[in-house]
C-alpha cells in the first residue's frame, strides 16, 4: 500500500526534515532545510532541498555555505548555514513541520551557491 502525503512544501520555505537513514558523509538526523525547486518543476512527490546546519565563523570563507541569520520569519533558532553542497531531492514524506520562510535575497544567494556546486 502506498501512502500519500498531504504536505505541500514550496520554494523558499524552511521545514524540519528527517534525513535518516544516511550513507557516508551525508547530513543526517532531523534538521531544517529549505525548499529550492520551483513548483513548476517535477511531477513526483519530491522536493529539492538544501539542508541547514549551525553557523560557524570559519564558514564565511566557504562559498557554498550561505549564512542565514536567525529571524522570527524563518523559524531558525540560531544563526545557521545552508549547505548548498548537500543539495538533494527528497520525498515529501520526510517533511515534519514548517518552520518559516526565507527572504527572496537569501533564496537567491542559495540558488547561486547551488549553481556554483554544479558548475553553472
PDB file of N, CA and C in Angstrom:
ATOM      1  N   UNK A   1       0.833  -1.177   0.000  1.00  0.00           N
ATOM      2  CA  UNK A   1       0.000   0.000   0.000  1.00  0.00           C
ATOM      3  C   UNK A   1       0.885   1.251   0.000  1.00  0.00           C
ATOM      4  N   UNK A   2       0.604   2.192  -0.857  1.00  0.00           N
ATOM      5  CA  UNK A   2       1.349   3.441  -0.941  1.00  0.00           C
ATOM      6  C   UNK A   2       0.639   4.499  -0.108  1.00  0.00           C
ATOM      7  N   UNK A   3       1.442   5.229   0.703  1.00  0.00           N
ATOM      8  CA  UNK A   3       0.853   6.314   1.480  1.00  0.00           C
ATOM      9  C   UNK A   3       1.110   7.622   0.744  1.00  0.00           C
ATOM     10  N   UNK A   4       0.146   8.500   0.778  1.00  0.00           N
ATOM     11  CA  UNK A   4       0.282   9.810   0.150  1.00  0.00           C
ATOM     12  C   UNK A   4       0.354  10.876   1.231  1.00  0.00           C
ATOM     13  N   UNK A   5       1.276  11.788   1.048  1.00  0.00           N
ATOM     14  CA  UNK A   5       1.412  12.886   1.985  1.00  0.00           C
ATOM     15  C   UNK A   5       0.555  14.057   1.510  1.00  0.00           C
ATOM     16  N   UNK A   6      -0.031  14.774   2.448  1.00  0.00           N
ATOM     17  CA  UNK A   6      -0.773  15.983   2.104  1.00  0.00           C
ATOM     18  C   UNK A   6       0.111  17.220   2.284  1.00  0.00           C
ATOM     19  N   UNK A   7       1.375  16.997   2.658  1.00  0.00           N
ATOM     20  CA  UNK A   7       2.327  18.077   2.827  1.00  0.00           C
ATOM     21  C   UNK A   7       2.684  18.655   1.465  1.00  0.00           C
ATOM     22  N   UNK A   8       2.660  19.989   1.358  1.00  0.00           N
ATOM     23  CA  UNK A   8       2.965  20.635   0.095  1.00  0.00           C
ATOM     24  C   UNK A   8       3.986  21.759   0.289  1.00  0.00           C
ATOM     25  N   UNK A   9       5.244  21.399   0.594  1.00  0.00           N
ATOM     26  CA  UNK A   9       6.273  22.420   0.779  1.00  0.00           C
ATOM     27  C   UNK A   9       6.557  23.151  -0.529  1.00  0.00           C
ATOM     28  N   UNK A  10       6.777  24.460  -0.441  1.00  0.00           N
ATOM     29  CA  UNK A  10       7.044  25.256  -1.639  1.00  0.00           C
ATOM     30  C   UNK A  10       8.368  26.019  -1.504  1.00  0.00           C
ATOM     31  N   UNK A  11       8.864  26.472  -2.640  1.00  0.00           N
ATOM     32  CA  UNK A  11      10.144  27.177  -2.726  1.00  0.00           C
ATOM     33  C   UNK A  11      10.232  28.300  -1.698  1.00  0.00           C
ATOM     34  N   UNK A  12      11.365  28.322  -1.001  1.00  0.00           N
ATOM     35  CA  UNK A  12      11.627  29.374  -0.023  1.00  0.00           C
ATOM     36  C   UNK A  12      11.200  29.039   1.388  1.00  0.00           C
ATOM     37  N   UNK A  13      10.441  27.962   1.556  1.00  0.00           N
ATOM     38  CA  UNK A  13      10.013  27.582   2.902  1.00  0.00           C
ATOM     39  C   UNK A  13      11.106  26.784   3.608  1.00  0.00           C
ATOM     40  N   UNK A  14      11.190  26.997   4.914  1.00  0.00           N
ATOM     41  CA  UNK A  14      12.109  26.245   5.771  1.00  0.00           C
ATOM     42  C   UNK A  14      11.287  25.209   6.524  1.00  0.00           C
ATOM     43  N   UNK A  15      11.702  23.954   6.426  1.00  0.00           N
ATOM     44  CA  UNK A  15      10.996  22.838   7.059  1.00  0.00           C
ATOM     45  C   UNK A  15      11.954  22.006   7.894  1.00  0.00           C
ATOM     46  N   UNK A  16      11.431  21.360   8.897  1.00  0.00           N
ATOM     47  CA  UNK A  16      12.130  20.323   9.637  1.00  0.00           C
ATOM     48  C   UNK A  16      11.986  19.048   8.800  1.00  0.00           C
ATOM     49  N   UNK A  17      13.109  18.375   8.500  1.00  0.00           N
ATOM     50  CA  UNK A  17      13.087  17.147   7.700  1.00  0.00           C
ATOM     51  C   UNK A  17      13.809  16.028   8.422  1.00  0.00           C
ATOM     52  N   UNK A  18      13.362  14.798   8.167  1.00  0.00           N
ATOM     53  CA  UNK A  18      14.048  13.600   8.665  1.00  0.00           C
ATOM     54  C   UNK A  18      14.967  13.106   7.546  1.00  0.00           C
ATOM     55  N   UNK A  19      16.274  13.265   7.716  1.00  0.00           N
ATOM     56  CA  UNK A  19      17.231  12.855   6.690  1.00  0.00           C
ATOM     57  C   UNK A  19      17.738  11.428   6.876  1.00  0.00           C
ATOM     58  N   UNK A  20      17.466  10.814   8.011  1.00  0.00           N
ATOM     59  CA  UNK A  20      17.923   9.440   8.233  1.00  0.00           C
ATOM     60  C   UNK A  20      17.046   8.469   7.475  1.00  0.00           C
ATOM     61  N   UNK A  21      17.558   7.358   6.987  1.00  0.00           N
ATOM     62  CA  UNK A  21      18.951   6.908   7.110  1.00  0.00           C
ATOM     63  C   UNK A  21      19.859   7.599   6.080  1.00  0.00           C
ATOM     64  N   UNK A  22      21.128   7.677   6.424  1.00  0.00           N
ATOM     65  CA  UNK A  22      22.116   8.316   5.559  1.00  0.00           C
ATOM     66  C   UNK A  22      23.241   7.338   5.258  1.00  0.00           C
ATOM     67  N   UNK A  23      24.070   7.702   4.312  1.00  0.00           N
ATOM     68  CA  UNK A  23      25.276   6.948   3.967  1.00  0.00           C
ATOM     69  C   UNK A  23      26.459   7.896   3.982  1.00  0.00           C
ATOM     70  N   UNK A  24      27.600   7.413   4.434  1.00  0.00           N
ATOM     71  CA  UNK A  24      28.841   8.185   4.388  1.00  0.00           C
ATOM     72  C   UNK A  24      28.742   9.546   5.044  1.00  0.00           C
ATOM     73  N   UNK A  25      29.157  10.589   4.313  1.00  0.00           N
ATOM     74  CA  UNK A  25      29.237  11.951   4.852  1.00  0.00           C
ATOM     75  C   UNK A  25      27.965  12.764   4.639  1.00  0.00           C
ATOM     76  N   UNK A  26      26.845  12.118   4.237  1.00  0.00           N
ATOM     77  CA  UNK A  26      25.593  12.853   4.076  1.00  0.00           C
ATOM     78  C   UNK A  26      25.150  13.433   5.412  1.00  0.00           C
ATOM     79  N   UNK A  27      24.437  14.562   5.359  1.00  0.00           N
ATOM     80  CA  UNK A  27      23.836  15.118   6.567  1.00  0.00           C
ATOM     81  C   UNK A  27      22.716  14.207   7.010  1.00  0.00           C
ATOM     82  N   UNK A  28      22.641  13.998   8.302  1.00  0.00           N
ATOM     83  CA  UNK A  28      21.617  13.117   8.829  1.00  0.00           C
ATOM     84  C   UNK A  28      20.774  13.785   9.885  1.00  0.00           C
ATOM     85  N   UNK A  29      20.039  12.994  10.597  1.00  0.00           N
ATOM     86  CA  UNK A  29      19.111  13.327  11.677  1.00  0.00           C
ATOM     87  C   UNK A  29      17.992  14.246  11.195  1.00  0.00           C
ATOM     88  N   UNK A  30      17.161  14.681  12.099  1.00  0.00           N
ATOM     89  CA  UNK A  30      16.102  15.635  11.770  1.00  0.00           C
ATOM     90  C   UNK A  30      16.696  17.025  11.911  1.00  0.00           C
ATOM     91  N   UNK A  31      16.584  17.803  10.843  1.00  0.00           N
ATOM     92  CA  UNK A  31      17.192  19.132  10.817  1.00  0.00           C
ATOM     93  C   UNK A  31      16.412  20.026   9.855  1.00  0.00           C
ATOM     94  N   UNK A  32      16.624  21.330   9.939  1.00  0.00           N
ATOM     95  CA  UNK A  32      15.962  22.227   8.993  1.00  0.00           C
ATOM     96  C   UNK A  32      16.563  22.115   7.601  1.00  0.00           C
ATOM     97  N   UNK A  33      15.741  22.426   6.618  1.00  0.00           N
ATOM     98  CA  UNK A  33      16.181  22.509   5.222  1.00  0.00           C
ATOM     99  C   UNK A  33      15.266  23.493   4.506  1.00  0.00           C
ATOM    100  N   UNK A  34      15.780  24.060   3.434  1.00  0.00           N
ATOM    101  CA  UNK A  34      14.995  24.998   2.639  1.00  0.00           C
ATOM    102  C   UNK A  34      14.651  24.352   1.296  1.00  0.00           C
ATOM    103  N   UNK A  35      13.413  24.526   0.868  1.00  0.00           N
ATOM    104  CA  UNK A  35      12.963  24.024  -0.431  1.00  0.00           C
ATOM    105  C   UNK A  35      13.449  25.005  -1.491  1.00  0.00           C
ATOM    106  N   UNK A  36      14.108  24.491  -2.554  1.00  0.00           N
ATOM    107  CA  UNK A  36      14.655  25.378  -3.573  1.00  0.00           C
ATOM    108  C   UNK A  36      14.049  25.199  -4.965  1.00  0.00           C
ATOM    109  N   UNK A  37      13.310  24.115  -5.186  1.00  0.00           N
ATOM    110  CA  UNK A  37      12.762  23.946  -6.537  1.00  0.00           C
ATOM    111  C   UNK A  37      11.485  24.756  -6.722  1.00  0.00           C
ATOM    112  N   UNK A  38      11.302  25.312  -7.941  1.00  0.00           N
ATOM    113  CA  UNK A  38      10.032  25.978  -8.247  1.00  0.00           C
ATOM    114  C   UNK A  38       8.913  24.940  -8.318  1.00  0.00           C
ATOM    115  N   UNK A  39       7.690  25.344  -8.028  1.00  0.00           N
ATOM    116  CA  UNK A  39       6.551  24.431  -8.067  1.00  0.00           C
ATOM    117  C   UNK A  39       6.334  23.852  -9.459  1.00  0.00           C
ATOM    118  N   UNK A  40       6.775  24.556 -10.480  1.00  0.00           N
ATOM    119  CA  UNK A  40       6.547  24.105 -11.859  1.00  0.00           C
ATOM    120  C   UNK A  40       7.481  22.970 -12.274  1.00  0.00           C
ATOM    121  N   UNK A  41       8.466  22.643 -11.442  1.00  0.00           N
ATOM    122  CA  UNK A  41       9.437  21.592 -11.765  1.00  0.00           C
ATOM    123  C   UNK A  41       9.094  20.324 -10.998  1.00  0.00           C
ATOM    124  N   UNK A  42       8.962  19.238 -11.729  1.00  0.00           N
ATOM    125  CA  UNK A  42       8.753  17.933 -11.116  1.00  0.00           C
ATOM    126  C   UNK A  42       7.294  17.534 -11.050  1.00  0.00           C
ATOM    127  N   UNK A  43       7.079  16.218 -11.182  1.00  0.00           N
ATOM    128  CA  UNK A  43       5.723  15.680 -11.129  1.00  0.00           C
ATOM    129  C   UNK A  43       5.559  14.699  -9.983  1.00  0.00           C
ATOM    130  N   UNK A  44       6.671  14.222  -9.433  1.00  0.00           N
ATOM    131  CA  UNK A  44       6.631  13.261  -8.339  1.00  0.00           C
ATOM    132  C   UNK A  44       6.512  13.993  -7.003  1.00  0.00           C
ATOM    133  N   UNK A  45       6.097  13.301  -5.950  1.00  0.00           N
ATOM    134  CA  UNK A  45       6.012  13.935  -4.625  1.00  0.00           C
ATOM    135  C   UNK A  45       7.400  14.064  -3.989  1.00  0.00           C
ATOM    136  N   UNK A  46       8.256  14.825  -4.667  1.00  0.00           N
ATOM    137  CA  UNK A  46       9.619  15.084  -4.227  1.00  0.00           C
ATOM    138  C   UNK A  46       9.852  16.580  -4.193  1.00  0.00           C
ATOM    139  N   UNK A  47      10.810  17.006  -3.375  1.00  0.00           N
ATOM    140  CA  UNK A  47      11.236  18.401  -3.365  1.00  0.00           C
ATOM    141  C   UNK A  47      12.761  18.426  -3.359  1.00  0.00           C
ATOM    142  N   UNK A  48      13.326  19.442  -4.003  1.00  0.00           N
ATOM    143  CA  UNK A  48      14.771  19.649  -3.947  1.00  0.00           C
ATOM    144  C   UNK A  48      15.021  20.579  -2.769  1.00  0.00           C
ATOM    145  N   UNK A  49      15.891  20.134  -1.851  1.00  0.00           N
ATOM    146  CA  UNK A  49      16.133  20.888  -0.623  1.00  0.00           C
ATOM    147  C   UNK A  49      17.627  21.101  -0.406  1.00  0.00           C
ATOM    148  N   UNK A  50      17.925  22.118   0.382  1.00  0.00           N
ATOM    149  CA  UNK A  50      19.279  22.375   0.859  1.00  0.00           C
ATOM    150  C   UNK A  50      19.222  22.275   2.379  1.00  0.00           C
ATOM    151  N   UNK A  51      19.955  21.307   2.959  1.00  0.00           N
ATOM    152  CA  UNK A  51      19.975  21.169   4.411  1.00  0.00           C
ATOM    153  C   UNK A  51      20.621  22.382   5.091  1.00  0.00           C
ATOM    154  N   UNK A  52      20.221  22.603   6.318  1.00  0.00           N
ATOM    155  CA  UNK A  52      20.715  23.738   7.098  1.00  0.00           C
ATOM    156  C   UNK A  52      21.418  23.205   8.337  1.00  0.00           C
ATOM    157  N   UNK A  53      22.574  23.794   8.642  1.00  0.00           N
ATOM    158  CA  UNK A  53      23.368  23.400   9.800  1.00  0.00           C
ATOM    159  C   UNK A  53      23.735  24.637  10.613  1.00  0.00           C
ATOM    160  N   UNK A  54      24.312  24.423  11.765  1.00  0.00           N
ATOM    161  CA  UNK A  54      24.723  25.533  12.638  1.00  0.00           C
ATOM    162  C   UNK A  54      25.825  26.357  11.974  1.00  0.00           C
ATOM    163  N   UNK A  55      25.726  27.684  12.076  1.00  0.00           N
ATOM    164  CA  UNK A  55      26.723  28.588  11.506  1.00  0.00           C
ATOM    165  C   UNK A  55      27.987  28.582  12.355  1.00  0.00           C
ATOM    166  N   UNK A  56      29.132  28.587  11.699  1.00  0.00           N
ATOM    167  CA  UNK A  56      30.440  28.744  12.354  1.00  0.00           C
ATOM    168  C   UNK A  56      31.194  29.827  11.580  1.00  0.00           C
ATOM    169  N   UNK A  57      31.956  30.648  12.292  1.00  0.00           N
ATOM    170  CA  UNK A  57      32.659  31.772  11.670  1.00  0.00           C
ATOM    171  C   UNK A  57      33.537  31.337  10.509  1.00  0.00           C
ATOM    172  N   UNK A  58      34.151  30.167  10.597  1.00  0.00           N
ATOM    173  CA  UNK A  58      35.042  29.697   9.524  1.00  0.00           C
ATOM    174  C   UNK A  58      34.288  29.462   8.208  1.00  0.00           C
ATOM    175  N   UNK A  59      32.960  29.342   8.258  1.00  0.00           N
ATOM    176  CA  UNK A  59      32.172  29.123   7.046  1.00  0.00           C
ATOM    177  C   UNK A  59      32.124  30.352   6.148  1.00  0.00           C
ATOM    178  N   UNK A  60      32.460  31.521   6.671  1.00  0.00           N
ATOM    179  CA  UNK A  60      32.380  32.739   5.866  1.00  0.00           C
ATOM    180  C   UNK A  60      33.334  32.700   4.672  1.00  0.00           C
ATOM    181  N   UNK A  61      34.335  31.831   4.701  1.00  0.00           N
ATOM    182  CA  UNK A  61      35.284  31.693   3.591  1.00  0.00           C
ATOM    183  C   UNK A  61      34.884  30.582   2.622  1.00  0.00           C
ATOM    184  N   UNK A  62      33.754  29.928   2.878  1.00  0.00           N
ATOM    185  CA  UNK A  62      33.323  28.792   2.051  1.00  0.00           C
ATOM    186  C   UNK A  62      32.128  29.229   1.195  1.00  0.00           C
ATOM    187  N   UNK A  63      32.293  29.311  -0.127  1.00  0.00           N
ATOM    188  CA  UNK A  63      31.241  29.899  -0.972  1.00  0.00           C
ATOM    189  C   UNK A  63      29.947  29.090  -1.080  1.00  0.00           C
ATOM    190  N   UNK A  64      29.957  27.820  -0.735  1.00  0.00           N
ATOM    191  CA  UNK A  64      28.716  27.023  -0.833  1.00  0.00           C
ATOM    192  C   UNK A  64      27.950  26.961   0.480  1.00  0.00           C
ATOM    193  N   UNK A  65      28.453  27.631   1.510  1.00  0.00           N
ATOM    194  CA  UNK A  65      27.738  27.730   2.788  1.00  0.00           C
ATOM    195  C   UNK A  65      27.183  29.147   2.913  1.00  0.00           C
ATOM    196  N   UNK A  66      25.875  29.262   2.919  1.00  0.00           N
ATOM    197  CA  UNK A  66      25.206  30.567   2.908  1.00  0.00           C
ATOM    198  C   UNK A  66      24.682  30.874   4.310  1.00  0.00           C
ATOM    199  N   UNK A  67      25.103  32.020   4.852  1.00  0.00           N
ATOM    200  CA  UNK A  67      24.656  32.448   6.178  1.00  0.00           C
ATOM    201  C   UNK A  67      23.172  32.776   6.179  1.00  0.00           C
ATOM    202  N   UNK A  68      22.461  32.203   7.139  1.00  0.00           N
ATOM    203  CA  UNK A  68      21.046  32.512   7.369  1.00  0.00           C
ATOM    204  C   UNK A  68      20.925  32.997   8.810  1.00  0.00           C
ATOM    205  N   UNK A  69      20.694  34.285   8.974  1.00  0.00           N
ATOM    206  CA  UNK A  69      20.537  34.854  10.314  1.00  0.00           C
ATOM    207  C   UNK A  69      19.217  34.389  10.930  1.00  0.00           C
ATOM    208  N   UNK A  70      19.232  34.139  12.210  1.00  0.00           N
ATOM    209  CA  UNK A  70      18.012  33.754  12.926  1.00  0.00           C
ATOM    210  C   UNK A  70      17.034  34.922  12.871  1.00  0.00           C
ATOM    211  N   UNK A  71      15.825  34.622  12.405  1.00  0.00           N
ATOM    212  CA  UNK A  71      14.752  35.618  12.346  1.00  0.00           C
ATOM    213  C   UNK A  71      13.441  34.911  12.676  1.00  0.00           C
ATOM    214  N   UNK A  72      12.512  35.654  13.229  1.00  0.00           N
ATOM    215  CA  UNK A  72      11.200  35.055  13.523  1.00  0.00           C
ATOM    216  C   UNK A  72      10.569  34.485  12.259  1.00  0.00           C
ATOM    217  N   UNK A  73      10.723  35.188  11.149  1.00  0.00           N
ATOM    218  CA  UNK A  73      10.081  34.773   9.896  1.00  0.00           C
ATOM    219  C   UNK A  73      10.594  33.431   9.371  1.00  0.00           C
ATOM    220  N   UNK A  74      11.920  33.136   9.572  1.00  0.00           N
ATOM    221  CA  UNK A  74      12.443  31.888   9.019  1.00  0.00           C
ATOM    222  C   UNK A  74      12.344  30.711   9.990  1.00  0.00           C
ATOM    223  N   UNK A  75      12.045  30.977  11.257  1.00  0.00           N
ATOM    224  CA  UNK A  75      11.838  29.910  12.220  1.00  0.00           C
ATOM    225  C   UNK A  75      13.104  29.245  12.723  1.00  0.00           C
ATOM    226  N   UNK A  76      14.278  29.747  12.337  1.00  0.00           N
ATOM    227  CA  UNK A  76      15.523  29.156  12.808  1.00  0.00           C
ATOM    228  C   UNK A  76      15.810  29.614  14.236  1.00  0.00           C
ATOM    229  N   UNK A  77      16.312  28.709  15.050  1.00  0.00           N
ATOM    230  CA  UNK A  77      16.555  29.021  16.458  1.00  0.00           C
ATOM    231  C   UNK A  77      17.916  29.664  16.693  1.00  0.00           C
ATOM    232  N   UNK A  78      18.789  29.653  15.672  1.00  0.00           N
ATOM    233  CA  UNK A  78      20.123  30.247  15.788  1.00  0.00           C
ATOM    234  C   UNK A  78      20.626  30.582  14.395  1.00  0.00           C
ATOM    235  N   UNK A  79      21.670  31.415  14.327  1.00  0.00           N
ATOM    236  CA  UNK A  79      22.285  31.684  13.038  1.00  0.00           C
ATOM    237  C   UNK A  79      22.732  30.351  12.445  1.00  0.00           C
ATOM    238  N   UNK A  80      22.492  30.176  11.160  1.00  0.00           N
ATOM    239  CA  UNK A  80      22.689  28.873  10.530  1.00  0.00           C
ATOM    240  C   UNK A  80      23.336  29.035   9.162  1.00  0.00           C
ATOM    241  N   UNK A  81      23.652  27.896   8.537  1.00  0.00           N
ATOM    242  CA  UNK A  81      24.239  27.884   7.203  1.00  0.00           C
ATOM    243  C   UNK A  81      23.466  26.916   6.330  1.00  0.00           C
ATOM    244  N   UNK A  82      23.098  27.372   5.143  1.00  0.00           N
ATOM    245  CA  UNK A  82      22.534  26.479   4.134  1.00  0.00           C
ATOM    246  C   UNK A  82      23.718  25.829   3.439  1.00  0.00           C
ATOM    247  N   UNK A  83      23.831  24.513   3.529  1.00  0.00           N
ATOM    248  CA  UNK A  83      24.959  23.777   2.950  1.00  0.00           C
ATOM    249  C   UNK A  83      24.589  23.351   1.532  1.00  0.00           C
ATOM    250  N   UNK A  84      24.910  24.200   0.572  1.00  0.00           N
ATOM    251  CA  UNK A  84      24.483  24.003  -0.811  1.00  0.00           C
ATOM    252  C   UNK A  84      25.194  22.857  -1.511  1.00  0.00           C
ATOM    253  N   UNK A  85      26.265  22.334  -0.938  1.00  0.00           N
ATOM    254  CA  UNK A  85      26.918  21.156  -1.496  1.00  0.00           C
ATOM    255  C   UNK A  85      26.122  19.887  -1.177  1.00  0.00           C
ATOM    256  N   UNK A  86      25.219  19.968  -0.218  1.00  0.00           N
ATOM    257  CA  UNK A  86      24.421  18.810   0.204  1.00  0.00           C
ATOM    258  C   UNK A  86      23.022  18.826  -0.413  1.00  0.00           C
ATOM    259  N   UNK A  87      22.807  19.603  -1.469  1.00  0.00           N
ATOM    260  CA  UNK A  87      21.501  19.689  -2.120  1.00  0.00           C
ATOM    261  C   UNK A  87      21.036  18.293  -2.522  1.00  0.00           C
ATOM    262  N   UNK A  88      19.727  18.028  -2.352  1.00  0.00           N
ATOM    263  CA  UNK A  88      19.201  16.699  -2.695  1.00  0.00           C
ATOM    264  C   UNK A  88      17.703  16.739  -2.932  1.00  0.00           C
ATOM    265  N   UNK A  89      17.217  15.741  -3.649  1.00  0.00           N
ATOM    266  CA  UNK A  89      15.776  15.539  -3.817  1.00  0.00           C
ATOM    267  C   UNK A  89      15.323  14.570  -2.739  1.00  0.00           C
ATOM    268  N   UNK A  90      14.221  14.910  -2.083  1.00  0.00           N
ATOM    269  CA  UNK A  90      13.702  14.055  -1.014  1.00  0.00           C
ATOM    270  C   UNK A  90      12.194  13.917  -1.140  1.00  0.00           C
ATOM    271  N   UNK A  91      11.676  12.828  -0.621  1.00  0.00           N
ATOM    272  CA  UNK A  91      10.236  12.592  -0.605  1.00  0.00           C
ATOM    273  C   UNK A  91       9.553  13.581   0.336  1.00  0.00           C
ATOM    274  N   UNK A  92       8.331  13.977  -0.001  1.00  0.00           N
ATOM    275  CA  UNK A  92       7.574  14.833   0.903  1.00  0.00           C
ATOM    276  C   UNK A  92       7.258  14.108   2.212  1.00  0.00           C
ATOM    277  N   UNK A  93       7.407  12.798   2.231  1.00  0.00           N
ATOM    278  CA  UNK A  93       7.187  12.032   3.463  1.00  0.00           C
ATOM    279  C   UNK A  93       8.262  12.306   4.507  1.00  0.00           C
ATOM    280  N   UNK A  94       9.396  12.898   4.119  1.00  0.00           N
ATOM    281  CA  UNK A  94      10.461  13.255   5.066  1.00  0.00           C
ATOM    282  C   UNK A  94      10.182  14.583   5.786  1.00  0.00           C
ATOM    283  N   UNK A  95       9.225  15.360   5.294  1.00  0.00           N
ATOM    284  CA  UNK A  95       8.928  16.678   5.871  1.00  0.00           C
ATOM    285  C   UNK A  95       8.124  16.512   7.154  1.00  0.00           C
ATOM    286  N   UNK A  96       8.589  17.147   8.233  1.00  0.00           N
ATOM    287  CA  UNK A  96       7.958  17.007   9.545  1.00  0.00           C
ATOM    288  C   UNK A  96       7.075  18.202   9.871  1.00  0.00           C
ATOM    289  N   UNK A  97       7.640  19.418   9.806  1.00  0.00           N
ATOM    290  CA  UNK A  97       6.893  20.616  10.190  1.00  0.00           C
ATOM    291  C   UNK A  97       7.502  21.844   9.525  1.00  0.00           C
ATOM    292  N   UNK A  98       6.632  22.750   9.097  1.00  0.00           N
ATOM    293  CA  UNK A  98       7.102  24.012   8.520  1.00  0.00           C
ATOM    294  C   UNK A  98       7.586  24.912   9.647  1.00  0.00           C
ATOM    295  N   UNK A  99       8.785  25.501   9.456  1.00  0.00           N
ATOM    296  CA  UNK A  99       9.351  26.416  10.442  1.00  0.00           C
ATOM    297  C   UNK A  99       9.136  27.870  10.055  1.00  0.00           C
ATOM    298  N   UNK A 100       9.229  28.171   8.757  1.00  0.00           N
ATOM    299  CA  UNK A 100       9.105  29.560   8.322  1.00  0.00           C
ATOM    300  C   UNK A 100       9.461  29.705   6.861  1.00  0.00           C
ATOM    301  N   UNK A 101       9.876  30.924   6.495  1.00  0.00           N
ATOM    302  CA  UNK A 101      10.209  31.236   5.105  1.00  0.00           C
ATOM    303  C   UNK A 101      11.447  32.119   5.061  1.00  0.00           C
ATOM    304  N   UNK A 102      12.216  31.978   3.981  1.00  0.00           N
ATOM    305  CA  UNK A 102      13.389  32.823   3.783  1.00  0.00           C
ATOM    306  C   UNK A 102      13.016  34.075   3.008  1.00  0.00           C
ATOM    307  N   UNK A 103      13.861  35.085   3.107  1.00  0.00           N
ATOM    308  CA  UNK A 103      13.736  36.282   2.280  1.00  0.00           C
ATOM    309  C   UNK A 103      14.151  35.938   0.861  1.00  0.00           C
ATOM    310  N   UNK A 104      13.634  36.670  -0.109  1.00  0.00           N
ATOM    311  CA  UNK A 104      13.973  36.440  -1.517  1.00  0.00           C
ATOM    312  C   UNK A 104      15.484  36.550  -1.737  1.00  0.00           C
ATOM    313  N   UNK A 105      16.132  37.500  -1.081  1.00  0.00           N
ATOM    314  CA  UNK A 105      17.582  37.689  -1.256  1.00  0.00           C
ATOM    315  C   UNK A 105      18.360  36.479  -0.736  1.00  0.00           C
ATOM    316  N   UNK A 106      17.900  35.864   0.347  1.00  0.00           N
ATOM    317  CA  UNK A 106      18.561  34.670   0.872  1.00  0.00           C
ATOM    318  C   UNK A 106      18.397  33.501  -0.097  1.00  0.00           C
ATOM    319  N   UNK A 107      17.199  33.359  -0.646  1.00  0.00           N
ATOM    320  CA  UNK A 107      16.933  32.281  -1.589  1.00  0.00           C
ATOM    321  C   UNK A 107      17.767  32.447  -2.861  1.00  0.00           C
ATOM    322  N   UNK A 108      17.943  33.685  -3.315  1.00  0.00           N
ATOM    323  CA  UNK A 108      18.785  33.949  -4.488  1.00  0.00           C
ATOM    324  C   UNK A 108      20.234  33.572  -4.212  1.00  0.00           C
ATOM    325  N   UNK A 109      20.713  33.889  -3.024  1.00  0.00           N
ATOM    326  CA  UNK A 109      22.090  33.549  -2.658  1.00  0.00           C
ATOM    327  C   UNK A 109      22.280  32.030  -2.591  1.00  0.00           C
ATOM    328  N   UNK A 110      21.296  31.332  -2.072  1.00  0.00           N
ATOM    329  CA  UNK A 110      21.352  29.861  -2.013  1.00  0.00           C
ATOM    330  C   UNK A 110      21.334  29.284  -3.426  1.00  0.00           C
ATOM    331  N   UNK A 111      20.479  29.803  -4.292  1.00  0.00           N
ATOM    332  CA  UNK A 111      20.415  29.326  -5.672  1.00  0.00           C
ATOM    333  C   UNK A 111      21.736  29.513  -6.385  1.00  0.00           C
ATOM    334  N   UNK A 112      22.386  30.650  -6.169  1.00  0.00           N
ATOM    335  CA  UNK A 112      23.691  30.911  -6.781  1.00  0.00           C
ATOM    336  C   UNK A 112      24.751  29.938  -6.257  1.00  0.00           C
ATOM    337  N   UNK A 113      24.712  29.634  -4.963  1.00  0.00           N
ATOM    338  CA  UNK A 113      25.674  28.693  -4.381  1.00  0.00           C
ATOM    339  C   UNK A 113      25.448  27.278  -4.888  1.00  0.00           C
ATOM    340  N   UNK A 114      24.182  26.876  -5.068  1.00  0.00           N
ATOM    341  CA  UNK A 114      23.884  25.563  -5.664  1.00  0.00           C
ATOM    342  C   UNK A 114      24.443  25.539  -7.090  1.00  0.00           C
ATOM    343  N   UNK A 115      24.230  26.619  -7.832  1.00  0.00           N
ATOM    344  CA  UNK A 115      24.783  26.707  -9.187  1.00  0.00           C
ATOM    345  C   UNK A 115      26.288  26.545  -9.204  1.00  0.00           C
ATOM    346  N   UNK A 116      26.970  27.164  -8.271  1.00  0.00           N
ATOM    347  CA  UNK A 116      28.414  27.030  -8.147  1.00  0.00           C
ATOM    348  C   UNK A 116      28.802  25.565  -7.941  1.00  0.00           C
ATOM    349  N   UNK A 117      28.051  24.866  -7.118  1.00  0.00           N
ATOM    350  CA  UNK A 117      28.350  23.467  -6.796  1.00  0.00           C
ATOM    351  C   UNK A 117      28.153  22.526  -7.976  1.00  0.00           C
ATOM    352  N   UNK A 118      27.265  22.891  -8.892  1.00  0.00           N
ATOM    353  CA  UNK A 118      27.001  22.020 -10.048  1.00  0.00           C
ATOM    354  C   UNK A 118      27.638  22.556 -11.330  1.00  0.00           C
ATOM    355  N   UNK A 119      28.476  23.581 -11.194  1.00  0.00           N
ATOM    356  CA  UNK A 119      29.239  24.077 -12.326  1.00  0.00           C
ATOM    357  C   UNK A 119      28.524  25.035 -13.248  1.00  0.00           C
ATOM    358  N   UNK A 120      27.522  25.724 -12.760  1.00  0.00           N
ATOM    359  CA  UNK A 120      26.801  26.698 -13.592  1.00  0.00           C
ATOM    360  C   UNK A 120      27.519  28.034 -13.605  1.00  0.00           C
TER     361      UNK A 120
END
